[in-house]
Amino acid sequence: MKMIFTAAVAAIAFAGAVWADPVAGTWKTQVDDGAYAHVKMTTCGAKLCGTIARTFNGSGEYKSENIGKKIVWDMTPAGGGAYKSGKIWQPSTGKTFKSKMALSGNSLQVSGCVGPICKKQTWSRVN
């Protein structure tokens, strides 16, 4: 019985790794207003979200009040590396925008949009 339980736990853990979304992991943002962040992307139910894990400026790593805050949420996988219908928060302005993302290898194109006008950043995978 103990062997069956151990096998079941191992199978569940392996299935989680296989089904992990390709965008899951840590991403380095581009510099915005003199600072950048490492954002940890994870699944949040059927959607994706990203939380600020670390922050950096010209002097190196620093402890920002934004650590632990969600920067991306409600992102829905659309297939082919595309994500849509999300929201993104810009810490330097405090504004939230409609967002979409496109994954290509270790690059993540992130857009924040107001109507048809979008501001884009390319994030790079940390791990």
N, C-alpha and C. Protein backbone atom coordinates (compact mmCIF):
# COMPACT_ATOMS: atom_id res chain seq x y z
N MET A 1 0.83 -1.19 0.00
CA MET A 1 0.00 0.00 0.00
C MET A 1 0.87 1.25 0.00
N LYS A 2 1.94 1.22 0.82
CA LYS A 2 2.83 2.37 0.89
C LYS A 2 3.48 2.62 -0.48
N MET A 3 3.82 1.54 -1.19
CA MET A 3 4.42 1.66 -2.51
C MET A 3 3.45 2.29 -3.51
N ILE A 4 2.21 1.91 -3.45
CA ILE A 4 1.19 2.46 -4.36
C ILE A 4 1.02 3.96 -4.09
N PHE A 5 0.97 4.34 -2.82
CA PHE A 5 0.84 5.75 -2.46
C PHE A 5 2.04 6.55 -2.97
N THR A 6 3.25 6.02 -2.79
CA THR A 6 4.46 6.70 -3.24
C THR A 6 4.44 6.84 -4.76
N ALA A 7 4.03 5.81 -5.47
CA ALA A 7 3.95 5.86 -6.93
C ALA A 7 2.93 6.90 -7.38
N ALA A 8 1.81 6.98 -6.69
CA ALA A 8 0.77 7.95 -7.05
C ALA A 8 1.28 9.38 -6.84
N VAL A 9 1.97 9.62 -5.75
CA VAL A 9 2.52 10.96 -5.48
C VAL A 9 3.54 11.32 -6.55
N ALA A 10 4.40 10.39 -6.92
CA ALA A 10 5.41 10.64 -7.95
C ALA A 10 4.75 10.93 -9.29
N ALA A 11 3.70 10.20 -9.63
CA ALA A 11 2.99 10.41 -10.90
C ALA A 11 2.34 11.79 -10.94
N ILE A 12 1.76 12.21 -9.85
CA ILE A 12 1.13 13.53 -9.78
C ILE A 12 2.18 14.62 -9.91
N ALA A 13 3.30 14.46 -9.24
CA ALA A 13 4.38 15.46 -9.34
C ALA A 13 4.91 15.53 -10.76
N PHE A 14 5.10 14.38 -11.40
CA PHE A 14 5.59 14.36 -12.77
C PHE A 14 4.58 14.98 -13.72
N ALA A 15 3.30 14.71 -13.53
CA ALA A 15 2.26 15.28 -14.40
C ALA A 15 2.24 16.79 -14.27
N GLY A 16 2.44 17.32 -13.07
CA GLY A 16 2.49 18.77 -12.89
C GLY A 16 3.62 19.39 -13.67
N ALA A 17 4.78 18.73 -13.70
CA ALA A 17 5.91 19.27 -14.45
C ALA A 17 5.65 19.21 -15.94
N VAL A 18 5.00 18.15 -16.41
CA VAL A 18 4.71 18.02 -17.84
C VAL A 18 3.69 19.05 -18.28
N TRP A 19 2.70 19.33 -17.43
CA TRP A 19 1.62 20.23 -17.81
C TRP A 19 1.89 21.69 -17.45
N ALA A 20 3.06 21.99 -16.91
CA ALA A 20 3.38 23.38 -16.56
C ALA A 20 3.35 24.23 -17.82
N ASP A 21 2.81 25.43 -17.71
CA ASP A 21 2.75 26.33 -18.86
C ASP A 21 4.15 26.74 -19.27
N PRO A 22 4.43 26.84 -20.58
CA PRO A 22 5.78 27.20 -21.03
C PRO A 22 6.26 28.57 -20.56
N VAL A 23 5.35 29.46 -20.21
CA VAL A 23 5.77 30.80 -19.75
C VAL A 23 6.07 30.81 -18.25
N ALA A 24 5.77 29.72 -17.57
CA ALA A 24 6.04 29.64 -16.12
C ALA A 24 7.54 29.76 -15.87
N GLY A 25 7.89 30.51 -14.84
CA GLY A 25 9.29 30.71 -14.50
C GLY A 25 9.54 32.16 -14.14
N THR A 26 10.80 32.55 -14.11
CA THR A 26 11.16 33.91 -13.74
C THR A 26 11.68 34.66 -14.96
N TRP A 27 11.20 35.90 -15.11
CA TRP A 27 11.51 36.74 -16.27
C TRP A 27 12.07 38.08 -15.82
N LYS A 28 13.08 38.56 -16.55
CA LYS A 28 13.68 39.87 -16.28
C LYS A 28 12.99 40.89 -17.19
N THR A 29 12.42 41.92 -16.60
CA THR A 29 11.77 42.98 -17.37
C THR A 29 12.83 43.90 -17.98
N GLN A 30 12.41 44.76 -18.88
CA GLN A 30 13.28 45.82 -19.37
C GLN A 30 13.29 46.95 -18.34
N VAL A 31 14.29 47.79 -18.41
CA VAL A 31 14.37 48.93 -17.50
C VAL A 31 13.21 49.89 -17.77
N ASP A 32 12.55 50.32 -16.70
CA ASP A 32 11.48 51.31 -16.78
C ASP A 32 11.71 52.29 -15.64
N ASP A 33 11.89 53.54 -15.97
CA ASP A 33 12.12 54.58 -14.96
C ASP A 33 13.32 54.25 -14.07
N GLY A 34 14.39 53.71 -14.68
CA GLY A 34 15.63 53.44 -13.96
C GLY A 34 15.69 52.15 -13.19
N ALA A 35 14.66 51.33 -13.26
CA ALA A 35 14.65 50.08 -12.50
C ALA A 35 14.08 48.95 -13.35
N TYR A 36 14.41 47.72 -12.94
CA TYR A 36 13.80 46.55 -13.58
C TYR A 36 13.53 45.51 -12.50
N ALA A 37 12.80 44.47 -12.89
CA ALA A 37 12.39 43.46 -11.91
C ALA A 37 12.55 42.06 -12.46
N HIS A 38 12.57 41.10 -11.55
CA HIS A 38 12.40 39.69 -11.89
C HIS A 38 10.96 39.37 -11.53
N VAL A 39 10.22 38.88 -12.52
CA VAL A 39 8.80 38.56 -12.34
C VAL A 39 8.62 37.05 -12.39
N LYS A 40 8.01 36.49 -11.36
CA LYS A 40 7.74 35.06 -11.31
C LYS A 40 6.36 34.80 -11.90
N MET A 41 6.34 34.13 -13.06
CA MET A 41 5.09 33.79 -13.74
C MET A 41 4.65 32.39 -13.31
N THR A 42 3.39 32.27 -12.90
CA THR A 42 2.83 30.99 -12.48
C THR A 42 1.40 30.88 -12.97
N THR A 43 0.84 29.68 -12.85
CA THR A 43 -0.57 29.51 -13.16
C THR A 43 -1.38 29.98 -11.96
N CYS A 44 -2.48 30.63 -12.27
CA CYS A 44 -3.44 31.07 -11.25
C CYS A 44 -4.79 30.52 -11.70
N GLY A 45 -5.08 29.30 -11.30
CA GLY A 45 -6.26 28.62 -11.83
C GLY A 45 -6.00 28.26 -13.28
N ALA A 46 -6.92 28.61 -14.18
CA ALA A 46 -6.77 28.33 -15.61
C ALA A 46 -6.02 29.44 -16.33
N LYS A 47 -5.66 30.49 -15.60
CA LYS A 47 -5.00 31.64 -16.21
C LYS A 47 -3.58 31.77 -15.66
N LEU A 48 -2.86 32.79 -16.10
CA LEU A 48 -1.49 33.03 -15.65
C LEU A 48 -1.39 34.37 -14.95
N CYS A 49 -0.48 34.44 -13.99
CA CYS A 49 -0.21 35.70 -13.32
C CYS A 49 1.28 35.80 -13.05
N GLY A 50 1.73 37.02 -12.82
CA GLY A 50 3.14 37.26 -12.53
C GLY A 50 3.28 38.18 -11.34
N THR A 51 4.20 37.84 -10.45
CA THR A 51 4.44 38.60 -9.22
C THR A 51 5.89 39.09 -9.20
N ILE A 52 6.09 40.31 -8.77
CA ILE A 52 7.44 40.86 -8.68
C ILE A 52 8.18 40.13 -7.56
N ALA A 53 9.29 39.47 -7.95
CA ALA A 53 10.06 38.67 -6.99
C ALA A 53 11.30 39.40 -6.49
N ARG A 54 11.96 40.15 -7.38
CA ARG A 54 13.17 40.89 -7.02
C ARG A 54 13.18 42.19 -7.82
N THR A 55 13.87 43.22 -7.29
CA THR A 55 13.95 44.50 -7.98
C THR A 55 15.40 44.99 -8.02
N PHE A 56 15.72 45.71 -9.10
CA PHE A 56 17.08 46.17 -9.34
C PHE A 56 17.05 47.60 -9.88
N ASN A 57 18.11 48.36 -9.59
CA ASN A 57 18.30 49.69 -10.19
C ASN A 57 19.77 49.82 -10.56
N GLY A 58 20.23 51.02 -10.87
CA GLY A 58 21.61 51.23 -11.27
C GLY A 58 22.63 50.82 -10.23
N SER A 59 22.24 50.73 -8.97
CA SER A 59 23.15 50.35 -7.89
C SER A 59 23.11 48.86 -7.60
N GLY A 60 22.22 48.11 -8.26
CA GLY A 60 22.09 46.68 -8.01
C GLY A 60 20.72 46.34 -7.44
N GLU A 61 20.67 45.20 -6.76
CA GLU A 61 19.39 44.76 -6.18
C GLU A 61 19.02 45.64 -5.00
N TYR A 62 17.73 45.94 -4.90
CA TYR A 62 17.23 46.71 -3.76
C TYR A 62 15.86 46.19 -3.37
N LYS A 63 15.43 46.50 -2.18
CA LYS A 63 14.15 46.04 -1.64
C LYS A 63 13.07 47.08 -1.91
N SER A 64 12.37 46.92 -3.02
CA SER A 64 11.28 47.82 -3.39
C SER A 64 10.01 47.46 -2.63
N GLU A 65 9.17 48.44 -2.43
CA GLU A 65 7.84 48.18 -1.83
C GLU A 65 6.95 47.38 -2.78
N ASN A 66 7.39 47.20 -4.03
CA ASN A 66 6.60 46.46 -5.02
C ASN A 66 6.84 44.95 -4.99
N ILE A 67 7.85 44.49 -4.27
CA ILE A 67 8.11 43.05 -4.18
C ILE A 67 6.88 42.36 -3.60
N GLY A 68 6.46 41.28 -4.27
CA GLY A 68 5.29 40.53 -3.84
C GLY A 68 3.99 40.98 -4.48
N LYS A 69 4.02 42.10 -5.21
CA LYS A 69 2.81 42.60 -5.86
C LYS A 69 2.63 41.95 -7.24
N LYS A 70 1.38 41.71 -7.59
CA LYS A 70 1.09 41.18 -8.93
C LYS A 70 1.31 42.28 -9.95
N ILE A 71 2.00 41.92 -11.03
CA ILE A 71 2.24 42.85 -12.12
C ILE A 71 1.47 42.41 -13.37
N VAL A 72 1.21 41.10 -13.49
CA VAL A 72 0.44 40.53 -14.60
C VAL A 72 -0.61 39.61 -13.99
N TRP A 73 -1.84 39.65 -14.52
CA TRP A 73 -2.87 38.73 -14.05
C TRP A 73 -3.92 38.52 -15.13
N ASP A 74 -4.70 37.46 -14.95
CA ASP A 74 -5.80 37.08 -15.86
C ASP A 74 -5.35 36.79 -17.28
N MET A 75 -4.08 36.42 -17.49
CA MET A 75 -3.56 36.13 -18.81
C MET A 75 -4.05 34.75 -19.24
N THR A 76 -4.65 34.67 -20.41
CA THR A 76 -5.24 33.44 -20.91
C THR A 76 -4.42 32.88 -22.07
N PRO A 77 -3.98 31.61 -21.98
CA PRO A 77 -3.27 31.01 -23.10
C PRO A 77 -4.16 30.97 -24.34
N ALA A 78 -3.61 31.38 -25.49
CA ALA A 78 -4.37 31.40 -26.74
C ALA A 78 -3.78 30.45 -27.77
N GLY A 79 -2.74 29.69 -27.41
CA GLY A 79 -2.12 28.74 -28.32
C GLY A 79 -0.98 29.37 -29.10
N GLY A 80 -0.04 28.54 -29.50
CA GLY A 80 1.08 28.99 -30.31
C GLY A 80 1.98 30.00 -29.63
N GLY A 81 2.05 29.99 -28.31
CA GLY A 81 2.89 30.92 -27.57
C GLY A 81 2.24 32.27 -27.30
N ALA A 82 0.98 32.42 -27.70
CA ALA A 82 0.27 33.68 -27.49
C ALA A 82 -0.58 33.62 -26.21
N TYR A 83 -0.70 34.77 -25.57
CA TYR A 83 -1.52 34.93 -24.36
C TYR A 83 -2.32 36.21 -24.53
N LYS A 84 -3.57 36.19 -24.05
CA LYS A 84 -4.45 37.34 -24.29
C LYS A 84 -5.33 37.62 -23.08
N SER A 85 -6.04 38.73 -23.18
CA SER A 85 -7.08 39.12 -22.22
C SER A 85 -6.58 39.34 -20.80
N GLY A 86 -5.30 39.66 -20.65
CA GLY A 86 -4.75 39.88 -19.32
C GLY A 86 -4.71 41.35 -18.95
N LYS A 87 -4.18 41.60 -17.79
CA LYS A 87 -3.96 42.95 -17.28
C LYS A 87 -2.50 43.05 -16.85
N ILE A 88 -1.93 44.25 -16.99
CA ILE A 88 -0.57 44.49 -16.53
C ILE A 88 -0.53 45.82 -15.80
N TRP A 89 0.23 45.85 -14.71
CA TRP A 89 0.38 47.04 -13.88
C TRP A 89 1.77 47.60 -14.12
N GLN A 90 1.86 48.89 -14.37
CA GLN A 90 3.15 49.56 -14.56
C GLN A 90 3.51 50.27 -13.26
N PRO A 91 4.47 49.72 -12.50
CA PRO A 91 4.80 50.30 -11.20
C PRO A 91 5.23 51.76 -11.26
N SER A 92 5.94 52.16 -12.33
CA SER A 92 6.45 53.54 -12.39
C SER A 92 5.35 54.58 -12.51
N THR A 93 4.17 54.18 -13.04
CA THR A 93 3.06 55.12 -13.18
C THR A 93 1.88 54.77 -12.28
N GLY A 94 1.84 53.52 -11.80
CA GLY A 94 0.71 53.07 -11.00
C GLY A 94 -0.52 52.74 -11.84
N LYS A 95 -0.37 52.72 -13.16
CA LYS A 95 -1.50 52.47 -14.05
C LYS A 95 -1.59 51.00 -14.44
N THR A 96 -2.82 50.56 -14.71
CA THR A 96 -3.09 49.20 -15.17
C THR A 96 -3.60 49.26 -16.60
N PHE A 97 -3.11 48.34 -17.43
CA PHE A 97 -3.46 48.31 -18.84
C PHE A 97 -3.95 46.92 -19.25
N LYS A 98 -4.75 46.86 -20.31
CA LYS A 98 -5.06 45.57 -20.93
C LYS A 98 -3.74 45.04 -21.47
N SER A 99 -3.58 43.72 -21.46
CA SER A 99 -2.29 43.16 -21.84
C SER A 99 -2.41 41.89 -22.65
N LYS A 100 -1.36 41.65 -23.43
CA LYS A 100 -1.21 40.40 -24.16
C LYS A 100 0.27 40.07 -24.15
N MET A 101 0.60 38.81 -24.41
CA MET A 101 2.00 38.38 -24.42
C MET A 101 2.22 37.40 -25.56
N ALA A 102 3.47 37.31 -26.01
CA ALA A 102 3.86 36.33 -27.02
C ALA A 102 5.20 35.74 -26.62
N LEU A 103 5.24 34.42 -26.49
CA LEU A 103 6.44 33.69 -26.09
C LEU A 103 7.17 33.18 -27.31
N SER A 104 8.48 33.43 -27.36
CA SER A 104 9.32 32.92 -28.44
C SER A 104 10.65 32.50 -27.81
N GLY A 105 10.83 31.21 -27.57
CA GLY A 105 12.04 30.72 -26.92
C GLY A 105 12.18 31.29 -25.53
N ASN A 106 13.27 32.01 -25.28
CA ASN A 106 13.52 32.60 -23.97
C ASN A 106 13.20 34.09 -23.94
N SER A 107 12.38 34.54 -24.88
CA SER A 107 11.93 35.94 -24.92
C SER A 107 10.41 35.99 -24.79
N LEU A 108 9.94 36.96 -24.04
CA LEU A 108 8.51 37.15 -23.83
C LEU A 108 8.17 38.59 -24.18
N GLN A 109 7.43 38.76 -25.27
CA GLN A 109 6.99 40.10 -25.70
C GLN A 109 5.74 40.42 -24.90
N VAL A 110 5.79 41.48 -24.09
CA VAL A 110 4.69 41.87 -23.22
C VAL A 110 4.18 43.23 -23.67
N SER A 111 2.86 43.34 -23.86
CA SER A 111 2.27 44.60 -24.31
C SER A 111 1.22 45.06 -23.32
N GLY A 112 1.23 46.36 -23.05
CA GLY A 112 0.18 47.01 -22.27
C GLY A 112 -0.52 47.99 -23.19
N CYS A 113 -1.83 47.89 -23.31
CA CYS A 113 -2.55 48.64 -24.34
C CYS A 113 -3.67 49.52 -23.77
N VAL A 114 -3.82 50.68 -24.39
CA VAL A 114 -4.97 51.55 -24.18
C VAL A 114 -5.56 51.74 -25.57
N GLY A 115 -6.72 51.12 -25.79
CA GLY A 115 -7.31 51.14 -27.14
C GLY A 115 -6.36 50.45 -28.10
N PRO A 116 -6.14 51.04 -29.28
CA PRO A 116 -5.27 50.40 -30.27
C PRO A 116 -3.78 50.69 -30.05
N ILE A 117 -3.44 51.53 -29.07
CA ILE A 117 -2.05 51.91 -28.84
C ILE A 117 -1.46 51.05 -27.73
N CYS A 118 -0.35 50.36 -28.07
CA CYS A 118 0.30 49.47 -27.12
C CYS A 118 1.74 49.87 -26.88
N LYS A 119 2.17 49.77 -25.62
CA LYS A 119 3.56 49.95 -25.25
C LYS A 119 4.11 48.55 -25.01
N LYS A 120 5.29 48.26 -25.58
CA LYS A 120 5.82 46.89 -25.50
C LYS A 120 7.16 46.84 -24.78
N GLN A 121 7.39 45.70 -24.17
CA GLN A 121 8.69 45.35 -23.59
C GLN A 121 8.99 43.91 -23.96
N THR A 122 10.27 43.60 -24.06
CA THR A 122 10.69 42.22 -24.25
C THR A 122 11.38 41.79 -22.97
N TRP A 123 10.82 40.76 -22.33
CA TRP A 123 11.37 40.21 -21.11
C TRP A 123 12.22 39.00 -21.48
N SER A 124 13.27 38.74 -20.72
CA SER A 124 14.13 37.58 -20.97
C SER A 124 14.05 36.60 -19.80
N ARG A 125 14.09 35.31 -20.16
CA ARG A 125 13.95 34.27 -19.14
C ARG A 125 15.19 34.22 -18.24
N VAL A 126 14.93 34.21 -16.92
CA VAL A 126 15.99 34.05 -15.94
C VAL A 126 16.12 32.56 -15.62
N ASN A 127 14.98 31.90 -15.35
CA ASN A 127 14.92 30.44 -15.16
C ASN A 127 13.52 29.94 -15.28
